Amino acid sequence: MAITAEEILAEIGPVQEILDEHDGVVNVIDTSDGNIMLSLDGGCNGCSSTPMTAMQIYYSLKKLDHVNDVIFVNGELPEYMRTFIDQKMAKEAAASEENGKGDDEPQGEII
């Protein structure tokens, strides 16, 4: 099942609310094969908070079943932040399995 741009934007809604206050824009470029290509534009250009914004978006979208990867075309998410999120999600999954909890348990947010 393919994921649509509308579903992606709905998933990052809380982040978009903050971006709206700063004239930031999330553009969904492609969603082929579960590989989501995004760019952060508008007020995000040159903003020192852009990597943290990208990290929150990456975390939110990687939790979705039909998302394989999230790619920021302008390099807004440094590799070390991507690695941090991947490791965090792996720990959450292991803890969830260890505690016998299913996927219905809410996960934390990066703040």
N, C-alpha and C. Protein backbone atom coordinates (compact mmCIF):
# COMPACT_ATOMS: atom_id res chain seq x y z
N MET A 1 0.83 -1.19 0.00
CA MET A 1 0.00 0.00 0.00
C MET A 1 0.88 1.25 0.00
N ALA A 2 0.65 2.14 -0.92
CA ALA A 2 1.42 3.37 -1.03
C ALA A 2 0.90 4.41 -0.05
N ILE A 3 1.76 5.26 0.38
CA ILE A 3 1.38 6.36 1.26
C ILE A 3 1.30 7.63 0.42
N THR A 4 0.32 8.45 0.70
CA THR A 4 0.11 9.66 -0.09
C THR A 4 0.75 10.87 0.59
N ALA A 5 0.94 11.91 -0.20
CA ALA A 5 1.47 13.15 0.34
C ALA A 5 0.56 13.70 1.43
N GLU A 6 -0.74 13.55 1.25
CA GLU A 6 -1.70 14.04 2.25
C GLU A 6 -1.53 13.31 3.58
N GLU A 7 -1.30 11.99 3.51
CA GLU A 7 -1.09 11.20 4.74
C GLU A 7 0.20 11.63 5.44
N ILE A 8 1.21 11.92 4.66
CA ILE A 8 2.49 12.36 5.23
C ILE A 8 2.30 13.69 5.94
N LEU A 9 1.66 14.62 5.27
CA LEU A 9 1.46 15.94 5.87
C LEU A 9 0.57 15.86 7.10
N ALA A 10 -0.40 14.96 7.10
CA ALA A 10 -1.26 14.77 8.27
C ALA A 10 -0.45 14.23 9.45
N GLU A 11 0.47 13.32 9.17
CA GLU A 11 1.28 12.71 10.22
C GLU A 11 2.21 13.73 10.88
N ILE A 12 2.69 14.68 10.12
CA ILE A 12 3.60 15.68 10.68
C ILE A 12 2.86 16.95 11.10
N GLY A 13 1.56 16.85 11.25
CA GLY A 13 0.73 17.99 11.61
C GLY A 13 1.24 18.83 12.77
N PRO A 14 1.59 18.23 13.92
CA PRO A 14 2.07 19.05 15.04
C PRO A 14 3.33 19.85 14.69
N VAL A 15 4.22 19.28 13.90
CA VAL A 15 5.41 20.00 13.47
C VAL A 15 5.01 21.12 12.51
N GLN A 16 4.07 20.84 11.63
CA GLN A 16 3.65 21.84 10.66
C GLN A 16 3.03 23.06 11.35
N GLU A 17 2.34 22.84 12.46
CA GLU A 17 1.76 23.96 13.21
C GLU A 17 2.84 24.94 13.64
N ILE A 18 3.97 24.41 14.10
CA ILE A 18 5.08 25.26 14.51
C ILE A 18 5.72 25.92 13.30
N LEU A 19 5.88 25.15 12.22
CA LEU A 19 6.46 25.71 11.01
C LEU A 19 5.61 26.86 10.46
N ASP A 20 4.30 26.72 10.56
CA ASP A 20 3.40 27.77 10.08
C ASP A 20 3.68 29.11 10.78
N GLU A 21 4.02 29.04 12.05
CA GLU A 21 4.32 30.27 12.81
C GLU A 21 5.61 30.93 12.35
N HIS A 22 6.47 30.16 11.67
CA HIS A 22 7.77 30.67 11.24
C HIS A 22 7.92 30.67 9.72
N ASP A 23 6.81 30.56 9.02
CA ASP A 23 6.80 30.54 7.55
C ASP A 23 7.58 29.37 6.97
N GLY A 24 7.67 28.27 7.71
CA GLY A 24 8.33 27.07 7.21
C GLY A 24 7.35 26.23 6.41
N VAL A 25 7.87 25.52 5.42
CA VAL A 25 7.04 24.72 4.53
C VAL A 25 7.68 23.35 4.35
N VAL A 26 6.85 22.30 4.46
CA VAL A 26 7.29 20.94 4.14
C VAL A 26 6.74 20.61 2.76
N ASN A 27 7.63 20.33 1.83
CA ASN A 27 7.22 19.92 0.48
C ASN A 27 7.47 18.44 0.31
N VAL A 28 6.42 17.70 -0.03
CA VAL A 28 6.55 16.27 -0.32
C VAL A 28 6.87 16.16 -1.80
N ILE A 29 8.04 15.65 -2.11
CA ILE A 29 8.50 15.57 -3.49
C ILE A 29 8.15 14.23 -4.11
N ASP A 30 8.32 13.16 -3.33
CA ASP A 30 8.07 11.82 -3.87
C ASP A 30 7.74 10.88 -2.73
N THR A 31 6.93 9.87 -3.04
CA THR A 31 6.57 8.85 -2.05
C THR A 31 6.73 7.44 -2.62
N SER A 32 7.46 7.30 -3.69
CA SER A 32 7.60 6.01 -4.38
C SER A 32 8.21 4.95 -3.48
N ASP A 33 7.63 3.76 -3.53
CA ASP A 33 8.16 2.59 -2.83
C ASP A 33 8.40 2.81 -1.34
N GLY A 34 7.64 3.70 -0.74
CA GLY A 34 7.80 3.95 0.69
C GLY A 34 9.00 4.80 1.03
N ASN A 35 9.69 5.31 0.02
CA ASN A 35 10.82 6.21 0.24
C ASN A 35 10.31 7.64 0.09
N ILE A 36 10.21 8.33 1.20
CA ILE A 36 9.61 9.65 1.24
C ILE A 36 10.69 10.70 1.03
N MET A 37 10.54 11.51 -0.02
CA MET A 37 11.47 12.59 -0.30
C MET A 37 10.81 13.91 0.06
N LEU A 38 11.47 14.65 0.95
CA LEU A 38 10.94 15.92 1.43
C LEU A 38 11.97 17.03 1.29
N SER A 39 11.47 18.24 1.26
CA SER A 39 12.34 19.40 1.42
C SER A 39 11.67 20.34 2.41
N LEU A 40 12.49 20.99 3.19
CA LEU A 40 12.01 22.00 4.13
C LEU A 40 12.38 23.35 3.53
N ASP A 41 11.36 24.14 3.24
CA ASP A 41 11.59 25.39 2.53
C ASP A 41 11.01 26.57 3.30
N GLY A 42 10.97 27.70 2.66
CA GLY A 42 10.43 28.91 3.28
C GLY A 42 11.31 29.34 4.44
N GLY A 43 10.71 29.55 5.60
CA GLY A 43 11.43 29.99 6.78
C GLY A 43 12.46 28.99 7.29
N CYS A 44 12.41 27.75 6.79
CA CYS A 44 13.39 26.73 7.20
C CYS A 44 14.77 26.99 6.60
N ASN A 45 14.80 27.67 5.45
CA ASN A 45 16.09 27.95 4.79
C ASN A 45 16.95 28.83 5.69
N GLY A 46 18.09 28.29 6.11
CA GLY A 46 19.02 29.04 6.94
C GLY A 46 18.68 29.05 8.42
N CYS A 47 17.59 28.40 8.82
CA CYS A 47 17.19 28.38 10.23
C CYS A 47 18.05 27.36 10.99
N SER A 48 18.53 27.74 12.15
CA SER A 48 19.37 26.83 12.94
C SER A 48 18.57 25.67 13.54
N SER A 49 17.25 25.77 13.57
CA SER A 49 16.42 24.71 14.12
C SER A 49 16.01 23.67 13.07
N THR A 50 16.37 23.88 11.83
CA THR A 50 15.95 22.97 10.76
C THR A 50 16.37 21.52 11.01
N PRO A 51 17.61 21.23 11.47
CA PRO A 51 17.95 19.83 11.73
C PRO A 51 17.06 19.18 12.79
N MET A 52 16.68 19.92 13.82
CA MET A 52 15.80 19.37 14.85
C MET A 52 14.40 19.14 14.29
N THR A 53 13.95 20.04 13.44
CA THR A 53 12.65 19.87 12.79
C THR A 53 12.68 18.62 11.92
N ALA A 54 13.75 18.47 11.14
CA ALA A 54 13.88 17.30 10.28
C ALA A 54 13.93 16.02 11.11
N MET A 55 14.59 16.07 12.25
CA MET A 55 14.70 14.90 13.11
C MET A 55 13.31 14.49 13.62
N GLN A 56 12.49 15.44 14.03
CA GLN A 56 11.15 15.12 14.51
C GLN A 56 10.29 14.55 13.39
N ILE A 57 10.40 15.12 12.20
CA ILE A 57 9.65 14.62 11.04
C ILE A 57 10.09 13.20 10.71
N TYR A 58 11.39 12.97 10.68
CA TYR A 58 11.94 11.64 10.40
C TYR A 58 11.39 10.62 11.40
N TYR A 59 11.44 10.97 12.68
CA TYR A 59 10.96 10.07 13.73
C TYR A 59 9.48 9.76 13.56
N SER A 60 8.68 10.77 13.29
CA SER A 60 7.24 10.57 13.11
C SER A 60 6.93 9.68 11.92
N LEU A 61 7.61 9.92 10.81
CA LEU A 61 7.31 9.17 9.59
C LEU A 61 7.86 7.75 9.61
N LYS A 62 9.01 7.54 10.24
CA LYS A 62 9.60 6.19 10.28
C LYS A 62 8.75 5.22 11.09
N LYS A 63 7.86 5.73 11.93
CA LYS A 63 6.98 4.86 12.70
C LYS A 63 5.84 4.30 11.85
N LEU A 64 5.61 4.86 10.69
CA LEU A 64 4.52 4.41 9.83
C LEU A 64 4.91 3.11 9.12
N ASP A 65 3.95 2.21 8.98
CA ASP A 65 4.20 0.89 8.38
C ASP A 65 4.72 0.96 6.96
N HIS A 66 4.23 1.87 6.17
CA HIS A 66 4.55 1.87 4.75
C HIS A 66 5.71 2.79 4.38
N VAL A 67 6.45 3.25 5.39
CA VAL A 67 7.58 4.14 5.13
C VAL A 67 8.88 3.36 5.34
N ASN A 68 9.67 3.27 4.27
CA ASN A 68 10.97 2.62 4.34
C ASN A 68 12.07 3.58 4.74
N ASP A 69 12.03 4.78 4.16
CA ASP A 69 13.07 5.77 4.42
C ASP A 69 12.50 7.16 4.24
N VAL A 70 13.12 8.12 4.89
CA VAL A 70 12.76 9.53 4.75
C VAL A 70 14.03 10.26 4.33
N ILE A 71 13.96 10.89 3.18
CA ILE A 71 15.12 11.56 2.61
C ILE A 71 14.82 13.04 2.50
N PHE A 72 15.69 13.84 3.06
CA PHE A 72 15.58 15.29 2.95
C PHE A 72 16.52 15.74 1.85
N VAL A 73 15.97 16.25 0.76
CA VAL A 73 16.76 16.52 -0.44
C VAL A 73 17.79 17.62 -0.26
N ASN A 74 17.58 18.50 0.71
CA ASN A 74 18.53 19.58 0.93
C ASN A 74 19.51 19.28 2.06
N GLY A 75 19.53 18.03 2.52
CA GLY A 75 20.47 17.62 3.56
C GLY A 75 20.14 18.17 4.93
N GLU A 76 18.86 18.40 5.21
CA GLU A 76 18.48 19.00 6.49
C GLU A 76 18.68 18.07 7.69
N LEU A 77 18.83 16.77 7.45
CA LEU A 77 19.00 15.82 8.56
C LEU A 77 20.39 15.19 8.49
N PRO A 78 21.31 15.67 9.36
CA PRO A 78 22.66 15.09 9.35
C PRO A 78 22.63 13.59 9.70
N GLU A 79 23.59 12.87 9.19
CA GLU A 79 23.65 11.42 9.36
C GLU A 79 23.68 11.01 10.83
N TYR A 80 24.38 11.76 11.68
CA TYR A 80 24.45 11.37 13.10
C TYR A 80 23.07 11.48 13.76
N MET A 81 22.23 12.41 13.31
CA MET A 81 20.88 12.53 13.87
C MET A 81 20.01 11.37 13.38
N ARG A 82 20.17 10.99 12.13
CA ARG A 82 19.45 9.85 11.57
C ARG A 82 19.81 8.59 12.36
N THR A 83 21.08 8.41 12.63
CA THR A 83 21.55 7.25 13.39
C THR A 83 20.98 7.26 14.80
N PHE A 84 20.95 8.43 15.43
CA PHE A 84 20.39 8.56 16.77
C PHE A 84 18.94 8.11 16.79
N ILE A 85 18.14 8.56 15.83
CA ILE A 85 16.72 8.20 15.78
C ILE A 85 16.56 6.70 15.52
N ASP A 86 17.34 6.17 14.58
CA ASP A 86 17.25 4.73 14.29
C ASP A 86 17.56 3.90 15.52
N GLN A 87 18.58 4.30 16.28
CA GLN A 87 18.94 3.58 17.50
C GLN A 87 17.85 3.72 18.56
N LYS A 88 17.28 4.91 18.69
CA LYS A 88 16.19 5.13 19.64
C LYS A 88 15.00 4.25 19.30
N MET A 89 14.64 4.17 18.04
CA MET A 89 13.50 3.36 17.63
C MET A 89 13.77 1.87 17.85
N ALA A 90 15.00 1.44 17.63
CA ALA A 90 15.35 0.04 17.86
C ALA A 90 15.24 -0.29 19.35
N LYS A 91 15.68 0.62 20.22
CA LYS A 91 15.56 0.41 21.67
C LYS A 91 14.10 0.37 22.09
N GLU A 92 13.28 1.27 21.51
CA GLU A 92 11.86 1.28 21.83
C GLU A 92 11.20 -0.03 21.42
N ALA A 93 11.56 -0.53 20.25
CA ALA A 93 10.98 -1.78 19.76
C ALA A 93 11.41 -2.95 20.66
N ALA A 94 12.68 -2.97 21.05
CA ALA A 94 13.18 -4.05 21.92
C ALA A 94 12.51 -3.99 23.28
N ALA A 95 12.36 -2.80 23.83
CA ALA A 95 11.71 -2.65 25.14
C ALA A 95 10.24 -3.05 25.05
N SER A 96 9.62 -2.73 23.95
CA SER A 96 8.21 -3.07 23.75
C SER A 96 8.04 -4.59 23.69
N GLU A 97 8.93 -5.27 22.97
CA GLU A 97 8.89 -6.74 22.89
C GLU A 97 9.20 -7.37 24.24
N GLU A 98 10.18 -6.81 24.93
CA GLU A 98 10.60 -7.34 26.22
C GLU A 98 9.49 -7.24 27.25
N ASN A 99 8.74 -6.16 27.20
CA ASN A 99 7.65 -5.94 28.15
C ASN A 99 6.34 -6.56 27.69
N GLY A 100 6.36 -7.19 26.53
CA GLY A 100 5.16 -7.83 26.02
C GLY A 100 4.11 -6.86 25.53
N LYS A 101 4.54 -5.66 25.24
CA LYS A 101 3.59 -4.65 24.77
C LYS A 101 3.57 -4.67 23.25
N GLY A 102 2.41 -4.43 22.69
CA GLY A 102 2.26 -4.39 21.24
C GLY A 102 2.56 -3.03 20.68
N ASP A 103 2.30 -2.87 19.39
CA ASP A 103 2.53 -1.61 18.70
C ASP A 103 1.53 -0.54 19.10
N ASP A 104 0.51 -0.90 19.89
CA ASP A 104 -0.51 0.07 20.25
C ASP A 104 -0.04 0.97 21.40
N GLU A 105 1.11 0.69 21.96
CA GLU A 105 1.65 1.51 23.04
C GLU A 105 2.25 2.79 22.46
N PRO A 106 1.83 3.96 22.96
CA PRO A 106 2.37 5.22 22.40
C PRO A 106 3.86 5.35 22.66
N GLN A 107 4.55 5.91 21.70
CA GLN A 107 5.98 6.11 21.82
C GLN A 107 6.24 7.58 22.15
N GLY A 108 7.43 7.87 22.66
CA GLY A 108 7.78 9.23 23.04
C GLY A 108 8.07 10.12 21.84
N GLU A 109 8.25 11.38 22.11
CA GLU A 109 8.60 12.33 21.07
C GLU A 109 10.00 12.84 21.34
N ILE A 110 10.65 13.26 20.31
CA ILE A 110 11.94 13.92 20.44
C ILE A 110 11.65 15.37 20.74
N ILE A 111 12.19 15.87 21.83
CA ILE A 111 11.97 17.29 22.15
C ILE A 111 13.29 17.94 22.50
